[in-house]
PDB file of N, CA and C in Angstrom:
ATOM      1  N   MET A   1      -9.774 -59.161 125.790  1.00  0.00           N
ATOM      2  CA  MET A   1     -10.647 -58.343 124.673  1.00  0.00           C
ATOM      3  C   MET A   1     -10.497 -56.918 124.550  1.00  0.00           C
ATOM      4  N   ARG A   2     -10.232 -56.451 123.582  1.00  0.00           N
ATOM      5  CA  ARG A   2      -9.672 -54.938 123.842  1.00  0.00           C
ATOM      6  C   ARG A   2     -11.142 -54.182 123.834  1.00  0.00           C
ATOM      7  N   SER A   3     -10.928 -52.834 124.183  1.00  0.00           N
ATOM      8  CA  SER A   3     -12.028 -51.921 124.211  1.00  0.00           C
ATOM      9  C   SER A   3     -11.899 -51.182 122.892  1.00  0.00           C
ATOM     10  N   ALA A   4     -10.769 -50.868 122.714  1.00  0.00           N
ATOM     11  CA  ALA A   4     -10.393 -49.560 121.245  1.00  0.00           C
ATOM     12  C   ALA A   4      -9.312 -49.691 120.791  1.00  0.00           C
ATOM     13  N   ASP A   5      -9.317 -49.644 119.397  1.00  0.00           N
ATOM     14  CA  ASP A   5      -7.901 -49.895 118.529  1.00  0.00           C
ATOM     15  C   ASP A   5      -7.236 -48.422 118.643  1.00  0.00           C
ATOM     16  N   ILE A   6      -5.897 -48.274 118.659  1.00  0.00           N
ATOM     17  CA  ILE A   6      -5.004 -47.470 118.719  1.00  0.00           C
ATOM     18  C   ILE A   6      -4.482 -47.236 117.638  1.00  0.00           C
ATOM     19  N   LEU A   7      -4.810 -46.228 116.608  1.00  0.00           N
ATOM     20  CA  LEU A   7      -4.356 -46.100 115.283  1.00  0.00           C
ATOM     21  C   LEU A   7      -3.031 -45.187 115.453  1.00  0.00           C
ATOM     22  N   ASP A   8      -1.887 -45.748 114.383  1.00  0.00           N
ATOM     23  CA  ASP A   8      -0.595 -45.207 114.076  1.00  0.00           C
ATOM     24  C   ASP A   8      -0.419 -43.822 114.012  1.00  0.00           C
ATOM     25  N   GLU A   9      -1.617 -43.582 112.962  1.00  0.00           N
ATOM     26  CA  GLU A   9      -1.833 -42.033 112.476  1.00  0.00           C
ATOM     27  C   GLU A   9      -3.188 -41.633 112.031  1.00  0.00           C
ATOM     28  N   PRO A  10      -3.265 -40.628 112.333  1.00  0.00           N
ATOM     29  CA  PRO A  10      -4.723 -39.905 112.433  1.00  0.00           C
ATOM     30  C   PRO A  10      -5.522 -40.409 111.333  1.00  0.00           C
ATOM     31  N   VAL A  11      -6.941 -40.645 111.687  1.00  0.00           N
ATOM     32  CA  VAL A  11      -7.679 -40.834 110.236  1.00  0.00           C
ATOM     33  C   VAL A  11      -7.253 -39.887 108.707  1.00  0.00           C
ATOM     34  N   PRO A  12      -6.998 -40.015 107.738  1.00  0.00           N
ATOM     35  CA  PRO A  12      -7.073 -39.355 106.471  1.00  0.00           C
ATOM     36  C   PRO A  12      -8.353 -38.449 106.436  1.00  0.00           C
ATOM     37  N   ALA A  13      -7.965 -37.225 106.137  1.00  0.00           N
ATOM     38  CA  ALA A  13      -9.247 -35.810 105.931  1.00  0.00           C
ATOM     39  C   ALA A  13      -9.875 -36.254 105.017  1.00  0.00           C
ATOM     40  N   ASP A  14      -9.521 -36.881 103.911  1.00  0.00           N
ATOM     41  CA  ASP A  14     -10.500 -37.204 102.927  1.00  0.00           C
ATOM     42  C   ASP A  14     -11.403 -38.341 103.541  1.00  0.00           C
ATOM     43  N   GLU A  15     -11.188 -39.141 104.480  1.00  0.00           N
ATOM     44  CA  GLU A  15     -12.090 -40.184 105.111  1.00  0.00           C
ATOM     45  C   GLU A  15     -13.189 -39.539 106.344  1.00  0.00           C
ATOM     46  N   ILE A  16     -12.770 -38.292 106.717  1.00  0.00           N
ATOM     47  CA  ILE A  16     -13.661 -37.722 107.484  1.00  0.00           C
ATOM     48  C   ILE A  16     -14.876 -37.063 107.181  1.00  0.00           C
ATOM     49  N   PRO A  17     -16.409 -37.305 107.781  1.00  0.00           N
ATOM     50  CA  PRO A  17     -17.089 -36.090 106.984  1.00  0.00           C
ATOM     51  C   PRO A  17     -17.300 -34.783 106.954  1.00  0.00           C
ATOM     52  N   ASP A  18     -17.596 -34.182 106.061  1.00  0.00           N
ATOM     53  CA  ASP A  18     -17.691 -32.633 106.338  1.00  0.00           C
ATOM     54  C   ASP A  18     -18.321 -31.677 107.406  1.00  0.00           C
ATOM     55  N   SER A  19     -19.267 -32.833 108.240  1.00  0.00           N
ATOM     56  CA  SER A  19     -19.636 -32.473 109.291  1.00  0.00           C
ATOM     57  C   SER A  19     -18.895 -32.342 110.255  1.00  0.00           C
ATOM     58  N   VAL A  20     -17.418 -33.052 110.619  1.00  0.00           N
ATOM     59  CA  VAL A  20     -16.794 -32.979 111.719  1.00  0.00           C
ATOM     60  C   VAL A  20     -15.870 -31.933 111.896  1.00  0.00           C
ATOM     61  N   PRO A  21     -16.092 -30.862 112.710  1.00  0.00           N
ATOM     62  CA  PRO A  21     -15.207 -29.629 112.472  1.00  0.00           C
ATOM     63  C   PRO A  21     -13.816 -29.923 113.116  1.00  0.00           C
ATOM     64  N   GLY A  22     -12.874 -29.252 112.293  1.00  0.00           N
ATOM     65  CA  GLY A  22     -11.268 -29.248 112.734  1.00  0.00           C
ATOM     66  C   GLY A  22     -10.514 -30.036 111.556  1.00  0.00           C
ATOM     67  N   GLU A  23      -9.126 -29.815 112.644  1.00  0.00           N
ATOM     68  CA  GLU A  23      -8.283 -30.724 111.610  1.00  0.00           C
ATOM     69  C   GLU A  23      -8.057 -32.001 112.783  1.00  0.00           C
ATOM     70  N   SER A  24      -7.809 -33.136 112.408  1.00  0.00           N
ATOM     71  CA  SER A  24      -7.330 -34.165 113.416  1.00  0.00           C
ATOM     72  C   SER A  24      -5.977 -34.172 112.940  1.00  0.00           C
ATOM     73  N   ARG A  25      -4.993 -34.361 113.919  1.00  0.00           N
ATOM     74  CA  ARG A  25      -3.518 -35.080 113.816  1.00  0.00           C
ATOM     75  C   ARG A  25      -2.909 -35.570 115.086  1.00  0.00           C
ATOM     76  N   ALA A  26      -1.876 -36.212 115.006  1.00  0.00           N
ATOM     77  CA  ALA A  26      -1.647 -36.670 116.409  1.00  0.00           C
ATOM     78  C   ALA A  26      -0.371 -35.867 116.893  1.00  0.00           C
ATOM     79  N   VAL A  27      -0.432 -35.758 118.274  1.00  0.00           N
ATOM     80  CA  VAL A  27       0.914 -35.067 118.722  1.00  0.00           C
ATOM     81  C   VAL A  27       1.911 -36.049 119.756  1.00  0.00           C
ATOM     82  N   GLU A  28       2.803 -35.992 119.776  1.00  0.00           N
ATOM     83  CA  GLU A  28       3.468 -36.542 120.756  1.00  0.00           C
ATOM     84  C   GLU A  28       4.325 -35.771 121.772  1.00  0.00           C
ATOM     85  N   THR A  29       4.038 -36.213 123.112  1.00  0.00           N
ATOM     86  CA  THR A  29       4.608 -35.460 124.291  1.00  0.00           C
ATOM     87  C   THR A  29       4.663 -36.242 125.197  1.00  0.00           C
ATOM     88  N   ASN A  30       6.017 -36.062 125.847  1.00  0.00           N
ATOM     89  CA  ASN A  30       6.478 -37.063 127.092  1.00  0.00           C
ATOM     90  C   ASN A  30       6.404 -38.603 126.527  1.00  0.00           C
ATOM     91  N   GLY A  31       6.267 -38.824 125.235  1.00  0.00           N
ATOM     92  CA  GLY A  31       6.649 -40.252 125.117  1.00  0.00           C
ATOM     93  C   GLY A  31       5.213 -40.709 124.720  1.00  0.00           C
ATOM     94  N   VAL A  32       4.153 -39.833 124.752  1.00  0.00           N
ATOM     95  CA  VAL A  32       2.681 -40.341 124.600  1.00  0.00           C
ATOM     96  C   VAL A  32       2.334 -39.802 123.430  1.00  0.00           C
ATOM     97  N   ARG A  33       1.812 -40.435 122.557  1.00  0.00           N
ATOM     98  CA  ARG A  33       1.072 -40.400 121.189  1.00  0.00           C
ATOM     99  C   ARG A  33      -0.396 -39.834 121.616  1.00  0.00           C
ATOM    100  N   LEU A  34      -0.796 -38.666 121.210  1.00  0.00           N
ATOM    101  CA  LEU A  34      -2.378 -38.328 121.595  1.00  0.00           C
ATOM    102  C   LEU A  34      -2.881 -37.560 119.991  1.00  0.00           C
ATOM    103  N   HIS A  35      -4.327 -38.249 120.097  1.00  0.00           N
ATOM    104  CA  HIS A  35      -5.134 -37.888 119.063  1.00  0.00           C
ATOM    105  C   HIS A  35      -5.694 -36.362 119.564  1.00  0.00           C
ATOM    106  N   VAL A  36      -5.452 -35.444 118.547  1.00  0.00           N
ATOM    107  CA  VAL A  36      -6.048 -33.963 118.770  1.00  0.00           C
ATOM    108  C   VAL A  36      -6.762 -33.584 118.026  1.00  0.00           C
ATOM    109  N   VAL A  37      -7.914 -32.829 118.089  1.00  0.00           N
ATOM    110  CA  VAL A  37      -8.631 -32.104 116.912  1.00  0.00           C
ATOM    111  C   VAL A  37      -8.565 -30.634 117.436  1.00  0.00           C
ATOM    112  N   GLU A  38      -7.924 -29.959 115.920  1.00  0.00           N
ATOM    113  CA  GLU A  38      -7.963 -28.751 116.400  1.00  0.00           C
ATOM    114  C   GLU A  38      -8.908 -27.717 115.465  1.00  0.00           C
ATOM    115  N   ALA A  39      -9.540 -26.807 116.208  1.00  0.00           N
ATOM    116  CA  ALA A  39     -10.801 -25.808 115.728  1.00  0.00           C
ATOM    117  C   ALA A  39     -10.683 -24.567 115.687  1.00  0.00           C
ATOM    118  N   GLY A  40     -11.020 -23.632 114.897  1.00  0.00           N
ATOM    119  CA  GLY A  40     -11.510 -22.304 115.563  1.00  0.00           C
ATOM    120  C   GLY A  40     -10.203 -21.358 115.010  1.00  0.00           C
ATOM    121  N   PRO A  41     -10.058 -20.009 115.629  1.00  0.00           N
ATOM    122  CA  PRO A  41      -9.050 -19.192 114.652  1.00  0.00           C
ATOM    123  C   PRO A  41      -7.720 -19.527 115.264  1.00  0.00           C
ATOM    124  N   GLU A  42      -6.697 -19.069 114.902  1.00  0.00           N
ATOM    125  CA  GLU A  42      -5.518 -19.413 115.434  1.00  0.00           C
ATOM    126  C   GLU A  42      -5.022 -18.402 116.676  1.00  0.00           C
ATOM    127  N   ASP A  43      -5.636 -17.360 116.487  1.00  0.00           N
ATOM    128  CA  ASP A  43      -5.484 -15.904 117.398  1.00  0.00           C
ATOM    129  C   ASP A  43      -6.511 -16.176 118.329  1.00  0.00           C
ATOM    130  N   GLY A  44      -7.384 -17.276 118.268  1.00  0.00           N
ATOM    131  CA  GLY A  44      -8.553 -17.304 119.681  1.00  0.00           C
ATOM    132  C   GLY A  44      -8.016 -17.921 121.010  1.00  0.00           C
ATOM    133  N   LYS A  45      -8.774 -17.873 122.024  1.00  0.00           N
ATOM    134  CA  LYS A  45      -8.346 -18.340 123.205  1.00  0.00           C
ATOM    135  C   LYS A  45      -8.018 -20.034 123.091  1.00  0.00           C
ATOM    136  N   LEU A  46      -7.083 -20.354 124.025  1.00  0.00           N
ATOM    137  CA  LEU A  46      -7.261 -21.886 124.033  1.00  0.00           C
ATOM    138  C   LEU A  46      -8.515 -22.545 125.012  1.00  0.00           C
ATOM    139  N   LEU A  47      -8.959 -23.404 124.324  1.00  0.00           N
ATOM    140  CA  LEU A  47      -9.994 -24.413 125.056  1.00  0.00           C
ATOM    141  C   LEU A  47      -9.637 -25.809 124.747  1.00  0.00           C
ATOM    142  N   VAL A  48      -9.103 -26.382 126.002  1.00  0.00           N
ATOM    143  CA  VAL A  48      -8.975 -27.763 126.288  1.00  0.00           C
ATOM    144  C   VAL A  48     -10.494 -28.397 126.622  1.00  0.00           C
ATOM    145  N   LEU A  49     -10.654 -29.667 125.858  1.00  0.00           N
ATOM    146  CA  LEU A  49     -12.082 -30.268 126.359  1.00  0.00           C
ATOM    147  C   LEU A  49     -11.324 -31.948 126.322  1.00  0.00           C
ATOM    148  N   LEU A  50     -11.368 -32.785 127.029  1.00  0.00           N
ATOM    149  CA  LEU A  50     -11.193 -33.699 127.448  1.00  0.00           C
ATOM    150  C   LEU A  50     -12.149 -34.860 127.680  1.00  0.00           C
ATOM    151  N   HIS A  51     -12.433 -35.935 127.240  1.00  0.00           N
ATOM    152  CA  HIS A  51     -13.376 -36.674 127.599  1.00  0.00           C
ATOM    153  C   HIS A  51     -12.711 -37.726 128.329  1.00  0.00           C
ATOM    154  N   GLY A  52     -13.759 -38.409 128.733  1.00  0.00           N
ATOM    155  CA  GLY A  52     -13.318 -39.785 129.741  1.00  0.00           C
ATOM    156  C   GLY A  52     -13.708 -40.933 129.050  1.00  0.00           C
ATOM    157  N   PHE A  53     -13.595 -42.414 129.354  1.00  0.00           N
ATOM    158  CA  PHE A  53     -13.808 -43.596 128.927  1.00  0.00           C
ATOM    159  C   PHE A  53     -15.171 -43.751 129.269  1.00  0.00           C
ATOM    160  N   PRO A  54     -16.253 -44.161 128.504  1.00  0.00           N
ATOM    161  CA  PRO A  54     -15.915 -45.028 127.381  1.00  0.00           C
ATOM    162  C   PRO A  54     -15.999 -43.745 126.122  1.00  0.00           C
ATOM    163  N   GLU A  55     -16.187 -42.246 126.115  1.00  0.00           N
ATOM    164  CA  GLU A  55     -16.525 -41.442 125.258  1.00  0.00           C
ATOM    165  C   GLU A  55     -15.128 -41.736 124.362  1.00  0.00           C
ATOM    166  N   PHE A  56     -15.398 -40.432 123.326  1.00  0.00           N
ATOM    167  CA  PHE A  56     -14.288 -40.466 122.424  1.00  0.00           C
ATOM    168  C   PHE A  56     -14.570 -38.931 121.787  1.00  0.00           C
ATOM    169  N   TRP A  57     -13.451 -38.442 121.061  1.00  0.00           N
ATOM    170  CA  TRP A  57     -13.392 -37.255 120.825  1.00  0.00           C
ATOM    171  C   TRP A  57     -14.593 -36.592 120.116  1.00  0.00           C
ATOM    172  N   TYR A  58     -15.441 -37.130 119.326  1.00  0.00           N
ATOM    173  CA  TYR A  58     -16.283 -36.954 118.444  1.00  0.00           C
ATOM    174  C   TYR A  58     -17.532 -36.259 119.589  1.00  0.00           C
ATOM    175  N   GLY A  59     -17.561 -36.581 120.767  1.00  0.00           N
ATOM    176  CA  GLY A  59     -18.477 -36.113 121.954  1.00  0.00           C
ATOM    177  C   GLY A  59     -18.525 -34.657 122.120  1.00  0.00           C
ATOM    178  N   TRP A  60     -17.618 -34.313 121.682  1.00  0.00           N
ATOM    179  CA  TRP A  60     -17.420 -32.558 121.755  1.00  0.00           C
ATOM    180  C   TRP A  60     -17.680 -32.110 120.367  1.00  0.00           C
ATOM    181  N   HIS A  61     -17.953 -32.565 119.302  1.00  0.00           N
ATOM    182  CA  HIS A  61     -18.384 -31.983 118.184  1.00  0.00           C
ATOM    183  C   HIS A  61     -19.345 -30.638 118.182  1.00  0.00           C
ATOM    184  N   GLU A  62     -20.158 -30.745 118.857  1.00  0.00           N
ATOM    185  CA  GLU A  62     -20.855 -29.559 119.154  1.00  0.00           C
ATOM    186  C   GLU A  62     -20.709 -28.295 120.130  1.00  0.00           C
ATOM    187  N   ALA A  63     -19.262 -28.560 120.490  1.00  0.00           N
ATOM    188  CA  ALA A  63     -19.026 -27.678 121.854  1.00  0.00           C
ATOM    189  C   ALA A  63     -18.573 -26.379 121.165  1.00  0.00           C
TER     190      ALA A  63
END
């Protein structure tokens, strides 16, 4: 039994509701492909929010 599906690419922007903040994209680092959502001004301070299982990225949508 699989607990989650891993997508090869981020969900296309036109399929994401307007209520979801930020821009979704995939980043590869050290051979690991990660889904990231970036929001806020480019010159703002960096804040990284990580979730744990069984949560997912949308859990931070009001942060």
